[in-house]
Amino acid sequence: MTPTELNSDLNWGVLISKHHEHQRVTQGLREKGIDYFIPTEADEVYLHGKRVHRERLVIGSYILFVVNECWKEIQTMIGVARVILASPDLKTLNEGKELEPAKINVKQMDAFREFVSRPPVVKSIDGFFYGQRVTPVSVTHSFAFHIGVFDGKGRKGKLAAIFKMFGRDCRVMFKPGELQAA
């Protein structure tokens, strides 16, 4: 049985890892036998002229974990900035009860996992997607040989693209058919 099947009836909590420490935290959670969930998505970037495929964290430094009796040990693990605790009421504070992690119930967690694992719905505009790398078709255009990012439709059905020029973003309008994927 996987840890998820064993912990299917327990609540989930949220911790925040220190910057670039999520792998160390997940290793510590794995060693302690605590189930965790970090939603990631495949990402492609250009680094030093080469295409690099990597996993990008969807919700940043937040790591979801199963709350059990050893949740206090998580606070002192290497790489953990803090565990998000439930906001107590005044009566709880006056009674001296200990704080507990903010809890996410199992149904909400299952819905979140399903939502994250679903492929995103992407709307195409004239064959382009928002954020797609584009360049002008014509080699005589003033932005020829520059690569920009598709930014949707502008006025009168023109296509918009954002180009970096002299350290600034320039939004340039093109007639349909004047842009191509880079």
N, C-alpha and C. Protein backbone atom coordinates (compact mmCIF):
# COMPACT_ATOMS: atom_id res chain seq x y z
N MET A 1 0.83 -1.18 0.00
CA MET A 1 0.00 0.00 0.00
C MET A 1 0.88 1.25 0.00
N THR A 2 0.46 2.21 -0.75
CA THR A 2 1.20 3.48 -0.80
C THR A 2 0.84 4.31 0.42
N PRO A 3 1.69 5.30 0.77
CA PRO A 3 1.34 6.18 1.89
C PRO A 3 0.01 6.89 1.69
N THR A 4 -0.34 7.22 0.44
CA THR A 4 -1.60 7.90 0.17
C THR A 4 -2.78 7.01 0.55
N GLU A 5 -2.69 5.69 0.24
CA GLU A 5 -3.78 4.78 0.59
C GLU A 5 -3.87 4.60 2.11
N LEU A 6 -2.72 4.56 2.80
CA LEU A 6 -2.71 4.43 4.24
C LEU A 6 -3.30 5.66 4.92
N ASN A 7 -3.07 6.84 4.35
CA ASN A 7 -3.48 8.10 4.96
C ASN A 7 -4.71 8.69 4.29
N SER A 8 -5.55 7.84 3.73
CA SER A 8 -6.67 8.36 2.95
C SER A 8 -7.74 9.04 3.80
N ASP A 9 -7.77 8.74 5.13
CA ASP A 9 -8.79 9.34 5.97
C ASP A 9 -8.25 10.47 6.86
N LEU A 10 -7.00 10.84 6.72
CA LEU A 10 -6.39 11.88 7.55
C LEU A 10 -6.44 13.23 6.85
N ASN A 11 -6.38 14.28 7.66
CA ASN A 11 -6.34 15.63 7.13
C ASN A 11 -4.94 15.97 6.64
N TRP A 12 -4.87 16.98 5.78
CA TRP A 12 -3.61 17.43 5.24
C TRP A 12 -3.29 18.80 5.81
N GLY A 13 -2.00 19.09 5.94
CA GLY A 13 -1.53 20.39 6.39
C GLY A 13 -0.63 21.00 5.33
N VAL A 14 -0.21 22.24 5.58
CA VAL A 14 0.63 22.95 4.61
C VAL A 14 1.88 23.46 5.32
N LEU A 15 3.03 23.22 4.71
CA LEU A 15 4.26 23.81 5.22
C LEU A 15 4.90 24.64 4.13
N ILE A 16 5.74 25.56 4.54
CA ILE A 16 6.46 26.40 3.59
C ILE A 16 7.93 26.05 3.69
N SER A 17 8.52 25.66 2.56
CA SER A 17 9.94 25.34 2.56
C SER A 17 10.75 26.61 2.30
N LYS A 18 12.00 26.57 2.73
CA LYS A 18 12.89 27.69 2.46
C LYS A 18 13.18 27.72 0.96
N HIS A 19 13.69 28.84 0.49
CA HIS A 19 13.95 29.02 -0.93
C HIS A 19 14.88 27.92 -1.47
N HIS A 20 14.44 27.21 -2.50
CA HIS A 20 15.19 26.14 -3.17
C HIS A 20 15.53 24.97 -2.24
N GLU A 21 14.72 24.73 -1.20
CA GLU A 21 14.97 23.65 -0.27
C GLU A 21 13.89 22.57 -0.31
N HIS A 22 12.99 22.63 -1.31
CA HIS A 22 11.88 21.69 -1.32
C HIS A 22 12.33 20.24 -1.48
N GLN A 23 13.43 20.00 -2.19
CA GLN A 23 13.90 18.62 -2.36
C GLN A 23 14.43 18.05 -1.05
N ARG A 24 15.11 18.89 -0.28
CA ARG A 24 15.61 18.44 1.02
C ARG A 24 14.45 18.16 1.96
N VAL A 25 13.41 18.98 1.92
CA VAL A 25 12.24 18.78 2.78
C VAL A 25 11.51 17.49 2.38
N THR A 26 11.33 17.27 1.09
CA THR A 26 10.63 16.05 0.65
C THR A 26 11.43 14.81 1.03
N GLN A 27 12.74 14.90 0.99
CA GLN A 27 13.57 13.77 1.40
C GLN A 27 13.36 13.49 2.90
N GLY A 28 13.31 14.54 3.72
CA GLY A 28 13.06 14.37 5.15
C GLY A 28 11.69 13.80 5.43
N LEU A 29 10.67 14.26 4.69
CA LEU A 29 9.32 13.72 4.86
C LEU A 29 9.28 12.25 4.46
N ARG A 30 9.97 11.91 3.39
CA ARG A 30 10.02 10.53 2.93
C ARG A 30 10.68 9.63 3.98
N GLU A 31 11.78 10.12 4.60
CA GLU A 31 12.48 9.35 5.62
C GLU A 31 11.61 9.13 6.85
N LYS A 32 10.76 10.09 7.19
CA LYS A 32 9.88 9.97 8.35
C LYS A 32 8.60 9.19 8.03
N GLY A 33 8.39 8.86 6.74
CA GLY A 33 7.22 8.10 6.34
C GLY A 33 5.95 8.94 6.27
N ILE A 34 6.11 10.24 6.06
CA ILE A 34 4.96 11.14 5.98
C ILE A 34 4.62 11.38 4.51
N ASP A 35 3.37 11.16 4.17
CA ASP A 35 2.93 11.37 2.79
C ASP A 35 2.89 12.88 2.51
N TYR A 36 3.29 13.26 1.30
CA TYR A 36 3.30 14.67 0.92
C TYR A 36 2.88 14.80 -0.54
N PHE A 37 2.57 16.03 -0.94
CA PHE A 37 2.16 16.28 -2.32
C PHE A 37 2.70 17.63 -2.75
N ILE A 38 3.46 17.63 -3.84
CA ILE A 38 3.98 18.86 -4.43
C ILE A 38 3.55 18.86 -5.90
N PRO A 39 2.58 19.70 -6.26
CA PRO A 39 2.17 19.74 -7.67
C PRO A 39 3.23 20.42 -8.52
N THR A 40 3.61 19.76 -9.61
CA THR A 40 4.59 20.31 -10.55
C THR A 40 4.03 20.21 -11.96
N GLU A 41 4.63 20.97 -12.85
CA GLU A 41 4.28 20.87 -14.26
C GLU A 41 5.56 20.94 -15.08
N ALA A 42 5.54 20.29 -16.23
CA ALA A 42 6.70 20.30 -17.11
C ALA A 42 6.86 21.69 -17.70
N ASP A 43 8.10 22.15 -17.77
CA ASP A 43 8.39 23.48 -18.27
C ASP A 43 9.58 23.37 -19.21
N GLU A 44 9.60 24.23 -20.22
CA GLU A 44 10.70 24.23 -21.18
C GLU A 44 11.25 25.65 -21.26
N VAL A 45 12.52 25.79 -21.00
CA VAL A 45 13.17 27.10 -21.04
C VAL A 45 14.44 27.00 -21.87
N TYR A 46 14.90 28.15 -22.33
CA TYR A 46 16.17 28.21 -23.03
C TYR A 46 17.21 28.74 -22.05
N LEU A 47 18.27 27.97 -21.84
CA LEU A 47 19.32 28.33 -20.92
C LEU A 47 20.64 28.23 -21.65
N HIS A 48 21.29 29.36 -21.81
CA HIS A 48 22.57 29.43 -22.54
C HIS A 48 22.45 28.87 -23.95
N GLY A 49 21.33 29.18 -24.61
CA GLY A 49 21.13 28.77 -25.99
C GLY A 49 20.67 27.35 -26.16
N LYS A 50 20.42 26.61 -25.07
CA LYS A 50 19.98 25.23 -25.17
C LYS A 50 18.59 25.09 -24.56
N ARG A 51 17.80 24.22 -25.13
CA ARG A 51 16.46 23.96 -24.61
C ARG A 51 16.58 23.01 -23.43
N VAL A 52 16.03 23.42 -22.29
CA VAL A 52 16.12 22.64 -21.07
C VAL A 52 14.71 22.32 -20.59
N HIS A 53 14.46 21.03 -20.32
CA HIS A 53 13.17 20.59 -19.78
C HIS A 53 13.35 20.42 -18.28
N ARG A 54 12.41 20.99 -17.51
CA ARG A 54 12.48 20.85 -16.07
C ARG A 54 11.08 20.90 -15.48
N GLU A 55 10.99 20.50 -14.23
CA GLU A 55 9.72 20.53 -13.50
C GLU A 55 9.62 21.86 -12.76
N ARG A 56 8.48 22.52 -12.89
CA ARG A 56 8.26 23.79 -12.21
C ARG A 56 7.22 23.58 -11.12
N LEU A 57 7.46 24.15 -9.95
CA LEU A 57 6.52 24.04 -8.84
C LEU A 57 5.29 24.90 -9.13
N VAL A 58 4.12 24.33 -9.00
CA VAL A 58 2.89 25.05 -9.32
C VAL A 58 2.52 26.04 -8.22
N ILE A 59 2.68 25.65 -6.96
CA ILE A 59 2.27 26.52 -5.86
C ILE A 59 3.48 27.02 -5.06
N GLY A 60 4.59 27.18 -5.71
CA GLY A 60 5.77 27.78 -5.08
C GLY A 60 6.37 26.91 -4.00
N SER A 61 6.67 27.49 -2.87
CA SER A 61 7.37 26.80 -1.78
C SER A 61 6.43 26.03 -0.86
N TYR A 62 5.16 25.96 -1.18
CA TYR A 62 4.20 25.27 -0.32
C TYR A 62 4.25 23.77 -0.58
N ILE A 63 4.29 22.99 0.49
CA ILE A 63 4.27 21.54 0.40
C ILE A 63 3.11 21.05 1.27
N LEU A 64 2.26 20.22 0.71
CA LEU A 64 1.13 19.66 1.43
C LEU A 64 1.56 18.33 2.04
N PHE A 65 1.21 18.10 3.31
CA PHE A 65 1.62 16.87 3.98
C PHE A 65 0.48 16.35 4.83
N VAL A 66 0.52 15.05 5.15
CA VAL A 66 -0.50 14.44 5.99
C VAL A 66 -0.19 14.76 7.44
N VAL A 67 -1.21 15.29 8.14
CA VAL A 67 -1.05 15.64 9.55
C VAL A 67 -1.24 14.38 10.39
N ASN A 68 -0.21 14.01 11.14
CA ASN A 68 -0.31 12.90 12.08
C ASN A 68 0.33 13.31 13.40
N GLU A 69 0.54 12.35 14.29
CA GLU A 69 1.03 12.70 15.63
C GLU A 69 2.44 13.29 15.64
N CYS A 70 3.23 13.09 14.61
CA CYS A 70 4.61 13.61 14.61
C CYS A 70 4.74 14.89 13.77
N TRP A 71 3.67 15.66 13.65
CA TRP A 71 3.74 16.87 12.83
C TRP A 71 4.67 17.92 13.42
N LYS A 72 4.88 17.91 14.76
CA LYS A 72 5.75 18.90 15.38
C LYS A 72 7.21 18.73 14.96
N GLU A 73 7.60 17.48 14.65
CA GLU A 73 8.96 17.22 14.20
C GLU A 73 9.23 17.88 12.84
N ILE A 74 8.18 18.09 12.07
CA ILE A 74 8.33 18.70 10.74
C ILE A 74 8.83 20.14 10.87
N GLN A 75 8.40 20.83 11.94
CA GLN A 75 8.79 22.23 12.12
C GLN A 75 10.29 22.40 12.27
N THR A 76 10.97 21.39 12.78
CA THR A 76 12.41 21.50 13.02
C THR A 76 13.25 20.83 11.94
N MET A 77 12.61 20.34 10.90
CA MET A 77 13.37 19.69 9.82
C MET A 77 14.19 20.72 9.05
N ILE A 78 15.29 20.27 8.48
CA ILE A 78 16.13 21.13 7.67
C ILE A 78 15.36 21.53 6.41
N GLY A 79 15.34 22.82 6.11
CA GLY A 79 14.70 23.32 4.91
C GLY A 79 13.28 23.81 5.11
N VAL A 80 12.68 23.56 6.28
CA VAL A 80 11.32 24.01 6.54
C VAL A 80 11.35 25.41 7.13
N ALA A 81 10.68 26.34 6.47
CA ALA A 81 10.60 27.70 7.00
C ALA A 81 9.56 27.75 8.12
N ARG A 82 8.37 27.20 7.87
CA ARG A 82 7.32 27.14 8.90
C ARG A 82 6.18 26.25 8.43
N VAL A 83 5.41 25.81 9.42
CA VAL A 83 4.18 25.08 9.17
C VAL A 83 3.05 26.08 9.38
N ILE A 84 2.11 26.13 8.46
CA ILE A 84 0.98 27.05 8.59
C ILE A 84 0.04 26.49 9.65
N LEU A 85 -0.16 27.29 10.71
CA LEU A 85 -0.99 26.87 11.83
C LEU A 85 -2.38 27.48 11.74
N ALA A 86 -3.35 26.78 12.36
CA ALA A 86 -4.72 27.28 12.38
C ALA A 86 -4.78 28.49 13.30
N SER A 87 -5.57 29.45 12.93
CA SER A 87 -5.73 30.65 13.74
C SER A 87 -6.70 30.33 14.88
N PRO A 88 -6.20 30.31 16.13
CA PRO A 88 -7.09 29.94 17.24
C PRO A 88 -7.97 31.12 17.65
N ASP A 89 -9.06 30.78 18.32
CA ASP A 89 -9.89 31.84 18.87
C ASP A 89 -9.34 32.26 20.23
N LEU A 90 -9.86 33.31 20.79
CA LEU A 90 -9.35 33.86 22.05
C LEU A 90 -9.52 32.86 23.20
N LYS A 91 -10.60 32.10 23.18
CA LYS A 91 -10.86 31.13 24.24
C LYS A 91 -9.77 30.05 24.25
N THR A 92 -9.39 29.57 23.07
CA THR A 92 -8.35 28.55 22.95
C THR A 92 -7.02 29.07 23.47
N LEU A 93 -6.69 30.31 23.14
CA LEU A 93 -5.44 30.90 23.62
C LEU A 93 -5.44 31.04 25.13
N ASN A 94 -6.57 31.46 25.73
CA ASN A 94 -6.67 31.63 27.17
C ASN A 94 -6.59 30.31 27.92
N GLU A 95 -7.07 29.23 27.31
CA GLU A 95 -7.01 27.92 27.95
C GLU A 95 -5.61 27.31 27.87
N GLY A 96 -4.75 27.88 27.06
CA GLY A 96 -3.38 27.39 26.96
C GLY A 96 -3.22 26.16 26.08
N LYS A 97 -4.20 25.90 25.25
CA LYS A 97 -4.09 24.75 24.34
C LYS A 97 -3.03 25.03 23.28
N GLU A 98 -2.41 23.96 22.81
CA GLU A 98 -1.38 24.10 21.80
C GLU A 98 -2.00 24.34 20.43
N LEU A 99 -1.26 25.04 19.60
CA LEU A 99 -1.72 25.31 18.24
C LEU A 99 -1.58 24.05 17.40
N GLU A 100 -2.43 23.94 16.40
CA GLU A 100 -2.39 22.81 15.47
C GLU A 100 -2.25 23.35 14.06
N PRO A 101 -1.76 22.51 13.14
CA PRO A 101 -1.66 22.98 11.75
C PRO A 101 -3.04 23.22 11.14
N ALA A 102 -3.09 24.18 10.24
CA ALA A 102 -4.32 24.40 9.47
C ALA A 102 -4.55 23.14 8.66
N LYS A 103 -5.78 22.65 8.69
CA LYS A 103 -6.04 21.35 8.07
C LYS A 103 -6.90 21.48 6.82
N ILE A 104 -6.56 20.66 5.85
CA ILE A 104 -7.33 20.55 4.60
C ILE A 104 -7.95 19.16 4.64
N ASN A 105 -9.27 19.08 4.52
CA ASN A 105 -9.87 17.75 4.61
C ASN A 105 -9.60 16.94 3.35
N VAL A 106 -9.84 15.65 3.46
CA VAL A 106 -9.49 14.71 2.39
C VAL A 106 -10.23 15.01 1.09
N LYS A 107 -11.51 15.36 1.18
CA LYS A 107 -12.28 15.64 -0.04
C LYS A 107 -11.71 16.85 -0.79
N GLN A 108 -11.35 17.89 -0.04
CA GLN A 108 -10.75 19.06 -0.68
C GLN A 108 -9.40 18.71 -1.30
N MET A 109 -8.64 17.88 -0.61
CA MET A 109 -7.33 17.50 -1.12
C MET A 109 -7.46 16.66 -2.40
N ASP A 110 -8.41 15.74 -2.41
CA ASP A 110 -8.63 14.94 -3.62
C ASP A 110 -9.05 15.81 -4.79
N ALA A 111 -9.93 16.79 -4.52
CA ALA A 111 -10.36 17.71 -5.58
C ALA A 111 -9.18 18.53 -6.08
N PHE A 112 -8.31 18.97 -5.17
CA PHE A 112 -7.14 19.75 -5.57
C PHE A 112 -6.18 18.91 -6.42
N ARG A 113 -5.95 17.67 -6.02
CA ARG A 113 -5.08 16.77 -6.81
C ARG A 113 -5.64 16.56 -8.21
N GLU A 114 -6.94 16.36 -8.30
CA GLU A 114 -7.57 16.17 -9.61
C GLU A 114 -7.44 17.42 -10.46
N PHE A 115 -7.65 18.60 -9.85
CA PHE A 115 -7.55 19.86 -10.56
C PHE A 115 -6.14 20.08 -11.10
N VAL A 116 -5.13 19.79 -10.30
CA VAL A 116 -3.74 20.01 -10.70
C VAL A 116 -3.30 19.03 -11.78
N SER A 117 -3.78 17.79 -11.71
CA SER A 117 -3.34 16.78 -12.67
C SER A 117 -4.04 16.90 -14.02
N ARG A 118 -5.13 17.67 -14.08
CA ARG A 118 -5.85 17.86 -15.34
C ARG A 118 -5.05 18.78 -16.26
N PRO A 119 -4.98 18.48 -17.55
CA PRO A 119 -4.26 19.38 -18.45
C PRO A 119 -4.99 20.72 -18.56
N PRO A 120 -4.25 21.81 -18.68
CA PRO A 120 -4.89 23.12 -18.76
C PRO A 120 -5.66 23.30 -20.06
N VAL A 121 -6.71 24.10 -19.99
CA VAL A 121 -7.49 24.43 -21.18
C VAL A 121 -6.84 25.67 -21.80
N VAL A 122 -6.38 25.52 -23.02
CA VAL A 122 -5.67 26.61 -23.68
C VAL A 122 -6.49 27.07 -24.88
N LYS A 123 -6.76 28.35 -24.94
CA LYS A 123 -7.55 28.91 -26.03
C LYS A 123 -6.61 29.41 -27.12
N SER A 124 -6.86 28.99 -28.33
CA SER A 124 -6.04 29.40 -29.47
C SER A 124 -6.68 30.59 -30.17
N ILE A 125 -5.85 31.57 -30.53
CA ILE A 125 -6.32 32.73 -31.28
C ILE A 125 -5.53 32.76 -32.59
N ASP A 126 -6.23 32.52 -33.69
CA ASP A 126 -5.60 32.47 -35.01
C ASP A 126 -4.38 31.56 -35.04
N GLY A 127 -4.45 30.45 -34.32
CA GLY A 127 -3.36 29.48 -34.32
C GLY A 127 -2.25 29.77 -33.32
N PHE A 128 -2.38 30.83 -32.53
CA PHE A 128 -1.37 31.18 -31.53
C PHE A 128 -1.98 31.07 -30.13
N PHE A 129 -1.11 30.85 -29.15
CA PHE A 129 -1.51 30.77 -27.76
C PHE A 129 -0.82 31.90 -27.00
N TYR A 130 -1.46 32.39 -25.95
CA TYR A 130 -0.82 33.43 -25.12
C TYR A 130 0.52 32.92 -24.61
N GLY A 131 1.52 33.74 -24.73
CA GLY A 131 2.85 33.38 -24.26
C GLY A 131 3.69 32.62 -25.27
N GLN A 132 3.13 32.28 -26.43
CA GLN A 132 3.88 31.54 -27.44
C GLN A 132 4.93 32.45 -28.06
N ARG A 133 6.09 31.90 -28.36
CA ARG A 133 7.17 32.68 -28.97
C ARG A 133 6.85 32.88 -30.46
N VAL A 134 6.92 34.13 -30.92
CA VAL A 134 6.58 34.47 -32.30
C VAL A 134 7.63 35.40 -32.88
N THR A 135 7.62 35.50 -34.21
CA THR A 135 8.49 36.40 -34.94
C THR A 135 7.77 36.84 -36.21
N PRO A 136 8.08 38.01 -36.75
CA PRO A 136 7.43 38.43 -38.00
C PRO A 136 7.81 37.52 -39.17
N VAL A 137 6.87 37.37 -40.11
CA VAL A 137 7.11 36.56 -41.30
C VAL A 137 8.10 37.27 -42.23
N SER A 138 7.93 38.56 -42.42
CA SER A 138 8.74 39.34 -43.35
C SER A 138 10.13 39.60 -42.78
N VAL A 139 11.15 39.44 -43.60
CA VAL A 139 12.52 39.73 -43.16
C VAL A 139 12.82 41.23 -43.26
N THR A 140 11.91 42.00 -43.86
CA THR A 140 12.12 43.44 -43.98
C THR A 140 11.40 44.22 -42.88
N HIS A 141 10.64 43.51 -42.05
CA HIS A 141 9.93 44.17 -40.95
C HIS A 141 10.95 44.68 -39.93
N SER A 142 10.63 45.78 -39.24
CA SER A 142 11.58 46.36 -38.30
C SER A 142 11.88 45.44 -37.12
N PHE A 143 10.99 44.47 -36.84
CA PHE A 143 11.25 43.52 -35.77
C PHE A 143 11.68 42.16 -36.32
N ALA A 144 12.10 42.13 -37.59
CA ALA A 144 12.56 40.87 -38.19
C ALA A 144 13.74 40.34 -37.38
N PHE A 145 13.81 39.04 -37.25
CA PHE A 145 14.86 38.33 -36.53
C PHE A 145 14.81 38.56 -35.02
N HIS A 146 13.77 39.24 -34.54
CA HIS A 146 13.55 39.37 -33.10
C HIS A 146 12.47 38.36 -32.71
N ILE A 147 12.59 37.82 -31.52
CA ILE A 147 11.60 36.87 -31.04
C ILE A 147 10.82 37.52 -29.92
N GLY A 148 9.51 37.49 -30.06
CA GLY A 148 8.62 38.08 -29.07
C GLY A 148 7.68 37.04 -28.50
N VAL A 149 6.71 37.52 -27.75
CA VAL A 149 5.72 36.66 -27.11
C VAL A 149 4.33 37.10 -27.56
N PHE A 150 3.52 36.13 -27.99
CA PHE A 150 2.16 36.43 -28.45
C PHE A 150 1.33 36.95 -27.29
N ASP A 151 0.56 38.04 -27.55
CA ASP A 151 -0.19 38.70 -26.48
C ASP A 151 -1.67 38.87 -26.84
N GLY A 152 -2.20 38.09 -27.75
CA GLY A 152 -3.62 38.14 -28.04
C GLY A 152 -3.97 39.04 -29.21
N LYS A 153 -5.27 39.39 -29.28
CA LYS A 153 -5.77 40.24 -30.36
C LYS A 153 -5.91 41.66 -29.87
N GLY A 154 -5.62 42.57 -30.77
CA GLY A 154 -5.80 43.99 -30.48
C GLY A 154 -7.02 44.51 -31.21
N ARG A 155 -7.00 45.79 -31.52
CA ARG A 155 -8.11 46.41 -32.23
C ARG A 155 -8.16 45.96 -33.68
N LYS A 156 -9.35 45.96 -34.23
CA LYS A 156 -9.59 45.67 -35.64
C LYS A 156 -9.02 44.32 -36.07
N GLY A 157 -8.99 43.33 -35.15
CA GLY A 157 -8.57 41.99 -35.50
C GLY A 157 -7.07 41.81 -35.66
N LYS A 158 -6.28 42.82 -35.30
CA LYS A 158 -4.83 42.68 -35.42
C LYS A 158 -4.29 41.83 -34.28
N LEU A 159 -3.16 41.18 -34.55
CA LEU A 159 -2.52 40.33 -33.56
C LEU A 159 -1.45 41.13 -32.82
N ALA A 160 -1.34 40.91 -31.52
CA ALA A 160 -0.37 41.65 -30.71
C ALA A 160 0.73 40.73 -30.25
N ALA A 161 1.94 41.26 -30.23
CA ALA A 161 3.10 40.53 -29.72
C ALA A 161 3.95 41.49 -28.90
N ILE A 162 4.58 40.97 -27.88
CA ILE A 162 5.44 41.80 -27.03
C ILE A 162 6.89 41.45 -27.33
N PHE A 163 7.67 42.49 -27.64
CA PHE A 163 9.09 42.33 -27.91
C PHE A 163 9.89 43.11 -26.88
N LYS A 164 11.04 42.58 -26.49
CA LYS A 164 11.95 43.30 -25.59
C LYS A 164 12.87 44.15 -26.45
N MET A 165 12.81 45.44 -26.24
CA MET A 165 13.68 46.36 -26.98
C MET A 165 14.29 47.35 -25.99
N PHE A 166 15.59 47.37 -25.92
CA PHE A 166 16.32 48.31 -25.06
C PHE A 166 15.86 48.21 -23.61
N GLY A 167 15.63 46.98 -23.15
CA GLY A 167 15.25 46.76 -21.77
C GLY A 167 13.80 47.03 -21.44
N ARG A 168 12.99 47.32 -22.45
CA ARG A 168 11.56 47.59 -22.22
C ARG A 168 10.71 46.66 -23.06
N ASP A 169 9.48 46.46 -22.61
CA ASP A 169 8.52 45.67 -23.37
C ASP A 169 7.80 46.57 -24.35
N CYS A 170 7.79 46.18 -25.63
CA CYS A 170 7.08 46.93 -26.66
C CYS A 170 5.98 46.04 -27.22
N ARG A 171 4.74 46.51 -27.16
CA ARG A 171 3.62 45.76 -27.72
C ARG A 171 3.43 46.23 -29.16
N VAL A 172 3.57 45.30 -30.10
CA VAL A 172 3.52 45.62 -31.53
C VAL A 172 2.33 44.89 -32.14
N MET A 173 1.60 45.59 -33.01
CA MET A 173 0.42 45.03 -33.66
C MET A 173 0.79 44.55 -35.06
N PHE A 174 0.23 43.40 -35.46
CA PHE A 174 0.47 42.81 -36.77
C PHE A 174 -0.86 42.45 -37.41
N LYS A 175 -0.89 42.53 -38.74
CA LYS A 175 -2.06 42.06 -39.47
C LYS A 175 -2.05 40.53 -39.45
N PRO A 176 -3.24 39.91 -39.55
CA PRO A 176 -3.27 38.44 -39.61
C PRO A 176 -2.40 37.93 -40.75
N GLY A 177 -1.57 36.94 -40.46
CA GLY A 177 -0.67 36.38 -41.46
C GLY A 177 0.73 36.95 -41.41
N GLU A 178 0.96 38.02 -40.63
CA GLU A 178 2.29 38.62 -40.54
C GLU A 178 3.14 38.02 -39.44
N LEU A 179 2.56 37.16 -38.60
CA LEU A 179 3.29 36.53 -37.52
C LEU A 179 3.44 35.04 -37.78
N GLN A 180 4.53 34.49 -37.28
CA GLN A 180 4.75 33.05 -37.35
C GLN A 180 5.35 32.59 -36.04
N ALA A 181 5.18 31.30 -35.75
CA ALA A 181 5.76 30.74 -34.53
C ALA A 181 7.27 30.71 -34.65
N ALA A 182 7.94 31.06 -33.56
CA ALA A 182 9.42 31.08 -33.57
C ALA A 182 9.98 29.72 -33.28
